[in-house]
């Protein structure tokens, strides 16, 4: 799969989360050969679980693996510090980011620690988040830990 195909999976997850009344952030984890391992979306609202970020959901769906080296985490939005820590903890090699305009998390830190970072600045990802933030500012600020 190329970057566009991978991001299409994450965008579909973001749209699914929005349709469920949640925050439109989607993610997918792909193995070294491009095989999809897991996909998911932010479920903090739906599950009442503050730790269920999109990257966490995709990681859990991928299941237990001996190694995550060579894997790529694809996310519609720059990963927060929590999700950046997950990437580092498990040695995920690359992160493909849809957009970092509306939120810039730990991707610079990841890059500084050897993780390959690619930011697509995808217009659909930007539109999903800017519209959501305008319509649900309280929920957005809760999600990013601001008041």
C-alpha atoms as a PDB file:
ATOM      1  CA  UNK A   1       0.000   0.000   0.000  1.00  0.00           C
ATOM      2  CA  UNK A   2       1.193   3.508  -0.694  1.00  0.00           C
ATOM      3  CA  UNK A   3       0.738   6.527   1.594  1.00  0.00           C
ATOM      4  CA  UNK A   4      -2.539   7.553  -0.062  1.00  0.00           C
ATOM      5  CA  UNK A   5      -4.050   4.091   0.410  1.00  0.00           C
ATOM      6  CA  UNK A   6      -2.897   3.909   4.014  1.00  0.00           C
ATOM      7  CA  UNK A   7      -4.294   7.355   4.805  1.00  0.00           C
ATOM      8  CA  UNK A   8      -7.615   6.406   3.193  1.00  0.00           C
ATOM      9  CA  UNK A   9      -7.973   3.671   5.837  1.00  0.00           C
ATOM     10  CA  UNK A  10      -7.290   6.133   8.670  1.00  0.00           C
ATOM     11  CA  UNK A  11      -9.678   8.738   7.183  1.00  0.00           C
ATOM     12  CA  UNK A  12     -12.433   6.112   6.960  1.00  0.00           C
ATOM     13  CA  UNK A  13     -11.905   5.406  10.661  1.00  0.00           C
ATOM     14  CA  UNK A  14     -12.069   9.123  11.465  1.00  0.00           C
ATOM     15  CA  UNK A  15     -15.382   9.411   9.613  1.00  0.00           C
ATOM     16  CA  UNK A  16     -16.700   6.335  11.466  1.00  0.00           C
ATOM     17  CA  UNK A  17     -15.812   7.923  14.802  1.00  0.00           C
ATOM     18  CA  UNK A  18     -17.577  11.138  13.841  1.00  0.00           C
ATOM     19  CA  UNK A  19     -20.676   9.193  12.740  1.00  0.00           C
ATOM     20  CA  UNK A  20     -20.746   7.562  16.200  1.00  0.00           C
ATOM     21  CA  UNK A  21     -20.759  10.977  17.881  1.00  0.00           C
ATOM     22  CA  UNK A  22     -17.063  10.934  18.695  1.00  0.00           C
ATOM     23  CA  UNK A  23     -13.960  12.855  17.769  1.00  0.00           C
ATOM     24  CA  UNK A  24     -12.961  12.376  14.105  1.00  0.00           C
ATOM     25  CA  UNK A  25      -9.456  10.986  14.491  1.00  0.00           C
ATOM     26  CA  UNK A  26      -8.617   7.705  12.817  1.00  0.00           C
ATOM     27  CA  UNK A  27      -5.546   5.492  12.707  1.00  0.00           C
ATOM     28  CA  UNK A  28      -4.233   2.254  11.280  1.00  0.00           C
ATOM     29  CA  UNK A  29      -1.132   0.174  11.906  1.00  0.00           C
ATOM     30  CA  UNK A  30       0.574  -1.473   8.943  1.00  0.00           C
ATOM     31  CA  UNK A  31       3.269  -4.125   9.037  1.00  0.00           C
ATOM     32  CA  UNK A  32       6.645  -3.808   7.320  1.00  0.00           C
ATOM     33  CA  UNK A  33       5.256  -5.245   4.075  1.00  0.00           C
ATOM     34  CA  UNK A  34       2.251  -2.871   4.069  1.00  0.00           C
ATOM     35  CA  UNK A  35      -0.120  -5.513   5.420  1.00  0.00           C
ATOM     36  CA  UNK A  36      -2.870  -3.932   7.551  1.00  0.00           C
ATOM     37  CA  UNK A  37      -2.506  -5.115  11.136  1.00  0.00           C
ATOM     38  CA  UNK A  38      -5.148  -3.042  12.883  1.00  0.00           C
ATOM     39  CA  UNK A  39      -7.323   0.011  12.535  1.00  0.00           C
ATOM     40  CA  UNK A  40      -9.384   2.121  14.870  1.00  0.00           C
ATOM     41  CA  UNK A  41     -10.623   5.540  15.825  1.00  0.00           C
ATOM     42  CA  UNK A  42     -10.791   7.792  18.828  1.00  0.00           C
ATOM     43  CA  UNK A  43     -13.429   6.280  21.145  1.00  0.00           C
ATOM     44  CA  UNK A  44     -13.028   8.482  24.216  1.00  0.00           C
ATOM     45  CA  UNK A  45     -16.641   9.698  23.983  1.00  0.00           C
ATOM     46  CA  UNK A  46     -18.233   6.440  22.890  1.00  0.00           C
ATOM     47  CA  UNK A  47     -16.478   4.285  25.507  1.00  0.00           C
ATOM     48  CA  UNK A  48     -16.118   6.871  28.270  1.00  0.00           C
ATOM     49  CA  UNK A  49     -12.428   5.907  28.256  1.00  0.00           C
ATOM     50  CA  UNK A  50      -9.930   8.786  28.197  1.00  0.00           C
ATOM     51  CA  UNK A  51      -7.154   6.474  26.990  1.00  0.00           C
ATOM     52  CA  UNK A  52      -8.936   5.231  23.867  1.00  0.00           C
ATOM     53  CA  UNK A  53      -7.206   7.407  21.293  1.00  0.00           C
ATOM     54  CA  UNK A  54      -7.218   6.423  17.625  1.00  0.00           C
ATOM     55  CA  UNK A  55      -3.640   5.170  17.676  1.00  0.00           C
ATOM     56  CA  UNK A  56      -4.339   3.150  20.822  1.00  0.00           C
ATOM     57  CA  UNK A  57      -7.411   1.642  19.205  1.00  0.00           C
ATOM     58  CA  UNK A  58      -5.474   0.654  16.076  1.00  0.00           C
ATOM     59  CA  UNK A  59      -2.607  -0.731  18.160  1.00  0.00           C
ATOM     60  CA  UNK A  60      -4.960  -2.855  20.265  1.00  0.00           C
ATOM     61  CA  UNK A  61      -6.719  -4.122  17.137  1.00  0.00           C
ATOM     62  CA  UNK A  62      -3.342  -5.217  15.729  1.00  0.00           C
ATOM     63  CA  UNK A  63      -2.915  -7.600  18.622  1.00  0.00           C
ATOM     64  CA  UNK A  64       0.178  -8.917  20.253  1.00  0.00           C
ATOM     65  CA  UNK A  65       3.224  -9.111  18.010  1.00  0.00           C
ATOM     66  CA  UNK A  66       6.742 -10.259  18.726  1.00  0.00           C
ATOM     67  CA  UNK A  67       8.019  -7.009  17.231  1.00  0.00           C
ATOM     68  CA  UNK A  68       6.606  -3.804  15.797  1.00  0.00           C
ATOM     69  CA  UNK A  69       9.878  -2.843  14.067  1.00  0.00           C
ATOM     70  CA  UNK A  70       9.278  -1.842  10.487  1.00  0.00           C
ATOM     71  CA  UNK A  71       5.625  -1.039  11.209  1.00  0.00           C
ATOM     72  CA  UNK A  72       3.972   2.245  10.220  1.00  0.00           C
ATOM     73  CA  UNK A  73       1.368   3.995  12.350  1.00  0.00           C
ATOM     74  CA  UNK A  74      -0.944   6.051  10.151  1.00  0.00           C
ATOM     75  CA  UNK A  75      -2.997   8.726  11.865  1.00  0.00           C
ATOM     76  CA  UNK A  76      -5.205  11.525  10.611  1.00  0.00           C
ATOM     77  CA  UNK A  77      -3.813  13.928  13.226  1.00  0.00           C
ATOM     78  CA  UNK A  78      -0.392  14.509  14.764  1.00  0.00           C
ATOM     79  CA  UNK A  79      -0.107  12.044  17.668  1.00  0.00           C
ATOM     80  CA  UNK A  80      -0.372  13.410  21.193  1.00  0.00           C
ATOM     81  CA  UNK A  81       2.333  12.707  23.769  1.00  0.00           C
ATOM     82  CA  UNK A  82       0.480   9.615  24.997  1.00  0.00           C
ATOM     83  CA  UNK A  83       0.325   8.088  21.520  1.00  0.00           C
ATOM     84  CA  UNK A  84       3.846   9.240  20.694  1.00  0.00           C
ATOM     85  CA  UNK A  85       4.974   7.308  23.762  1.00  0.00           C
ATOM     86  CA  UNK A  86       3.206   4.211  22.469  1.00  0.00           C
ATOM     87  CA  UNK A  87       5.091   4.511  19.171  1.00  0.00           C
ATOM     88  CA  UNK A  88       8.430   4.795  21.007  1.00  0.00           C
ATOM     89  CA  UNK A  89       7.682   2.133  23.604  1.00  0.00           C
ATOM     90  CA  UNK A  90       6.980  -0.522  20.998  1.00  0.00           C
ATOM     91  CA  UNK A  91       9.562   0.522  18.406  1.00  0.00           C
ATOM     92  CA  UNK A  92       7.167   1.453  15.624  1.00  0.00           C
ATOM     93  CA  UNK A  93       9.462   2.662  12.854  1.00  0.00           C
ATOM     94  CA  UNK A  94       7.384   5.262  11.002  1.00  0.00           C
ATOM     95  CA  UNK A  95       4.402   7.548  11.514  1.00  0.00           C
ATOM     96  CA  UNK A  96       2.359   8.875   8.604  1.00  0.00           C
ATOM     97  CA  UNK A  97       0.342  11.930   9.670  1.00  0.00           C
ATOM     98  CA  UNK A  98      -2.660  13.358   7.847  1.00  0.00           C
ATOM     99  CA  UNK A  99      -2.328  16.835   9.305  1.00  0.00           C
ATOM    100  CA  UNK A 100      -0.609  18.794  12.056  1.00  0.00           C
ATOM    101  CA  UNK A 101      -2.265  22.201  11.588  1.00  0.00           C
ATOM    102  CA  UNK A 102      -5.018  21.845  14.180  1.00  0.00           C
ATOM    103  CA  UNK A 103      -2.810  20.000  16.683  1.00  0.00           C
ATOM    104  CA  UNK A 104       0.899  19.386  16.826  1.00  0.00           C
ATOM    105  CA  UNK A 105       1.708  16.638  19.289  1.00  0.00           C
ATOM    106  CA  UNK A 106       4.918  14.703  19.755  1.00  0.00           C
ATOM    107  CA  UNK A 107       5.935  14.107  16.157  1.00  0.00           C
ATOM    108  CA  UNK A 108       9.033  16.355  16.388  1.00  0.00           C
ATOM    109  CA  UNK A 109      10.134  14.412  19.471  1.00  0.00           C
ATOM    110  CA  UNK A 110       9.576  11.146  17.631  1.00  0.00           C
ATOM    111  CA  UNK A 111      11.623  12.381  14.662  1.00  0.00           C
ATOM    112  CA  UNK A 112      14.404  13.404  17.026  1.00  0.00           C
ATOM    113  CA  UNK A 113      14.430   9.860  18.356  1.00  0.00           C
ATOM    114  CA  UNK A 114      14.768   8.110  15.019  1.00  0.00           C
ATOM    115  CA  UNK A 115      11.129   7.602  14.002  1.00  0.00           C
ATOM    116  CA  UNK A 116      10.464   8.407  10.357  1.00  0.00           C
ATOM    117  CA  UNK A 117       7.773  11.128  10.242  1.00  0.00           C
ATOM    118  CA  UNK A 118       5.795  12.049   7.131  1.00  0.00           C
ATOM    119  CA  UNK A 119       3.152  14.788   7.273  1.00  0.00           C
ATOM    120  CA  UNK A 120       0.810  14.784   4.287  1.00  0.00           C
ATOM    121  CA  UNK A 121      -1.132  17.973   5.124  1.00  0.00           C
ATOM    122  CA  UNK A 122      -4.176  16.168   3.740  1.00  0.00           C
ATOM    123  CA  UNK A 123      -7.047  18.598   2.990  1.00  0.00           C
ATOM    124  CA  UNK A 124      -9.754  16.132   4.063  1.00  0.00           C
ATOM    125  CA  UNK A 125      -8.053  15.540   7.424  1.00  0.00           C
ATOM    126  CA  UNK A 126      -7.753  19.298   7.951  1.00  0.00           C
ATOM    127  CA  UNK A 127     -11.422  19.804   7.044  1.00  0.00           C
ATOM    128  CA  UNK A 128     -12.605  17.027   9.391  1.00  0.00           C
ATOM    129  CA  UNK A 129     -10.791  18.586  12.355  1.00  0.00           C
ATOM    130  CA  UNK A 130     -11.434  22.281  11.672  1.00  0.00           C
ATOM    131  CA  UNK A 131     -15.154  21.628  11.250  1.00  0.00           C
ATOM    132  CA  UNK A 132     -15.286  19.455  14.372  1.00  0.00           C
ATOM    133  CA  UNK A 133     -13.363  21.987  16.478  1.00  0.00           C
ATOM    134  CA  UNK A 134     -15.656  24.818  15.338  1.00  0.00           C
ATOM    135  CA  UNK A 135     -18.773  22.789  16.154  1.00  0.00           C
ATOM    136  CA  UNK A 136     -17.560  21.103  19.383  1.00  0.00           C
ATOM    137  CA  UNK A 137     -14.867  23.257  21.020  1.00  0.00           C
ATOM    138  CA  UNK A 138     -15.533  21.974  24.548  1.00  0.00           C
ATOM    139  CA  UNK A 139     -15.185  18.342  23.512  1.00  0.00           C
ATOM    140  CA  UNK A 140     -12.051  19.141  21.519  1.00  0.00           C
ATOM    141  CA  UNK A 141     -10.361  20.948  24.396  1.00  0.00           C
ATOM    142  CA  UNK A 142     -11.260  18.064  26.700  1.00  0.00           C
ATOM    143  CA  UNK A 143      -9.654  15.657  24.233  1.00  0.00           C
ATOM    144  CA  UNK A 144      -6.369  17.561  24.106  1.00  0.00           C
ATOM    145  CA  UNK A 145      -6.296  18.199  27.851  1.00  0.00           C
ATOM    146  CA  UNK A 146      -6.960  21.941  27.783  1.00  0.00           C
ATOM    147  CA  UNK A 147      -9.702  23.870  29.493  1.00  0.00           C
END
